[in-house]
Protein backbone atom coordinates (compact mmCIF):
# COMPACT_ATOMS: atom_id res chain seq x y z
CA UNK A 1 0.00 0.00 0.00
CA UNK A 2 2.96 2.26 -0.52
CA UNK A 3 1.54 4.31 -3.37
CA UNK A 4 -2.00 4.91 -2.13
CA UNK A 5 -1.23 4.89 1.57
CA UNK A 6 -2.83 3.09 4.46
CA UNK A 7 -5.58 5.69 4.91
CA UNK A 8 -7.24 5.32 1.52
CA UNK A 9 -5.96 1.82 0.79
CA UNK A 10 -6.90 0.15 4.05
CA UNK A 11 -8.46 2.26 6.80
CA UNK A 12 -11.14 4.02 4.73
CA UNK A 13 -12.29 0.77 3.05
CA UNK A 14 -12.33 -0.98 6.43
CA UNK A 15 -14.36 1.90 7.84
CA UNK A 16 -16.85 1.48 4.99
CA UNK A 17 -17.19 -2.22 5.75
CA UNK A 18 -17.78 -1.59 9.45
CA UNK A 19 -20.38 1.13 8.76
CA UNK A 20 -22.16 -1.08 6.21
CA UNK A 21 -22.21 -3.95 8.73
CA UNK A 22 -23.73 -1.65 11.35
CA UNK A 23 -26.27 -0.52 8.74
CA UNK A 24 -27.27 -4.13 8.10
CA UNK A 25 -27.82 -4.70 11.81
CA UNK A 26 -29.95 -1.56 11.95
CA UNK A 27 -31.95 -2.76 8.92
CA UNK A 28 -32.66 -5.98 10.82
CA UNK A 29 -33.67 -3.99 13.90
CA UNK A 30 -35.95 -1.75 11.84
CA UNK A 31 -37.57 -4.75 10.16
CA UNK A 32 -38.76 -6.01 13.54
CA UNK A 33 -40.58 -2.73 14.21
CA UNK A 34 -41.89 -1.68 10.81
CA UNK A 35 -45.19 -2.58 9.24
CA UNK A 36 -44.85 -1.38 5.66
CA UNK A 37 -48.62 -1.17 5.33
CA UNK A 38 -48.48 1.53 8.05
CA UNK A 39 -44.86 2.78 8.15
CA UNK A 40 -45.64 5.80 10.33
CA UNK A 41 -47.36 3.73 13.03
CA UNK A 42 -43.99 2.89 14.63
CA UNK A 43 -41.75 5.99 14.60
CA UNK A 44 -38.84 4.19 16.30
CA UNK A 45 -38.66 1.65 13.50
CA UNK A 46 -38.84 4.35 10.86
CA UNK A 47 -36.10 6.34 12.61
CA UNK A 48 -33.90 3.25 12.80
CA UNK A 49 -34.42 2.68 9.08
CA UNK A 50 -33.50 6.31 8.33
CA UNK A 51 -30.32 6.05 10.41
CA UNK A 52 -29.34 2.86 8.56
CA UNK A 53 -29.96 4.57 5.20
CA UNK A 54 -27.91 7.60 6.28
CA UNK A 55 -25.03 5.32 7.31
CA UNK A 56 -25.18 3.58 3.96
CA UNK A 57 -25.17 6.95 2.16
CA UNK A 58 -22.17 8.13 4.16
CA UNK A 59 -20.28 4.89 3.55
CA UNK A 60 -21.05 5.17 -0.16
CA UNK A 61 -19.58 8.68 -0.30
CA UNK A 62 -16.43 7.53 1.47
CA UNK A 63 -16.24 4.51 -0.86
CA UNK A 64 -16.39 6.79 -3.91
CA UNK A 65 -13.55 8.85 -2.40
CA UNK A 66 -11.57 5.62 -1.90
CA UNK A 67 -12.12 4.65 -5.53
CA UNK A 68 -10.82 8.02 -6.68
CA UNK A 69 -7.53 7.22 -4.96
CA UNK A 70 -7.12 3.44 -5.09
CA UNK A 71 -7.55 0.72 -7.71
CA UNK A 72 -10.86 -1.12 -7.33
CA UNK A 73 -9.08 -4.45 -7.75
CA UNK A 74 -6.95 -3.63 -4.72
CA UNK A 75 -9.61 -2.37 -2.28
CA UNK A 76 -12.71 -4.34 -3.26
CA UNK A 77 -11.59 -7.61 -1.63
CA UNK A 78 -11.81 -5.78 1.71
CA UNK A 79 -15.59 -5.66 1.20
CA UNK A 80 -15.66 -9.44 1.73
CA UNK A 81 -15.22 -8.70 5.42
CA UNK A 82 -18.88 -7.70 5.51
CA UNK A 83 -19.67 -11.42 5.10
CA UNK A 84 -17.76 -11.96 8.34
CA UNK A 85 -18.88 -8.93 10.34
CA UNK A 86 -22.63 -8.96 9.66
CA UNK A 87 -23.23 -12.54 10.87
CA UNK A 88 -20.87 -11.96 13.80
CA UNK A 89 -22.86 -8.84 14.68
CA UNK A 90 -26.10 -10.78 14.40
CA UNK A 91 -24.68 -13.33 16.82
CA UNK A 92 -23.73 -10.61 19.32
CA UNK A 93 -26.78 -8.33 18.96
CA UNK A 94 -29.61 -10.72 18.07
CA UNK A 95 -28.25 -13.93 19.59
CA UNK A 96 -28.50 -15.67 16.21
CA UNK A 97 -26.65 -18.96 15.98
CA UNK A 98 -23.54 -19.36 13.86
CA UNK A 99 -22.87 -22.81 12.54
CA UNK A 100 -19.80 -24.57 11.32
CA UNK A 101 -20.48 -23.25 7.80
CA UNK A 102 -20.02 -19.68 9.00
CA UNK A 103 -16.67 -20.44 10.61
CA UNK A 104 -15.52 -22.44 7.58
CA UNK A 105 -16.57 -19.59 5.27
CA UNK A 106 -14.79 -17.06 7.47
CA UNK A 107 -11.62 -19.16 7.29
CA UNK A 108 -11.92 -19.29 3.49
CA UNK A 109 -12.41 -15.52 3.28
CA UNK A 110 -9.34 -14.92 5.44
CA UNK A 111 -7.36 -17.43 3.38
CA UNK A 112 -8.47 -15.56 0.27
CA UNK A 113 -7.12 -12.34 1.76
CA UNK A 114 -3.80 -14.04 2.36
CA UNK A 115 -3.65 -15.31 -1.23
CA UNK A 116 -4.51 -11.85 -2.58
CA UNK A 117 -1.96 -10.09 -0.40
CA UNK A 118 0.83 -12.54 -1.27
CA UNK A 119 0.17 -12.24 -5.00
CA UNK A 120 0.00 -8.43 -4.76
CA UNK A 121 3.32 -8.26 -2.94
CA UNK A 122 5.18 -9.81 -5.87
């Protein structure tokens, strides 16, 4: 990450992934409180949905700034971490169960990162 720097090449994309994962957890929270036939009947659910959408919008703007500074092929693999963080967050926040498939998939994602980073270093 010498040319693009750690900020735009690693920290900003990681920040986007974390914010998007939080947004997903908020979407799940909102879904438990919203009745789309009467969306204004539950203001807390609607507010949660709006916060999630605002987080997504902010993350999108940061992502566009990242793409202006870094090659997509270099930073996009970081987005795979959302497949790790969202289920982990659902385990922590909603007490959802994580099976062996989740842990195996997480190991494969991390192995993929290692393969990508080794091939990029050469």
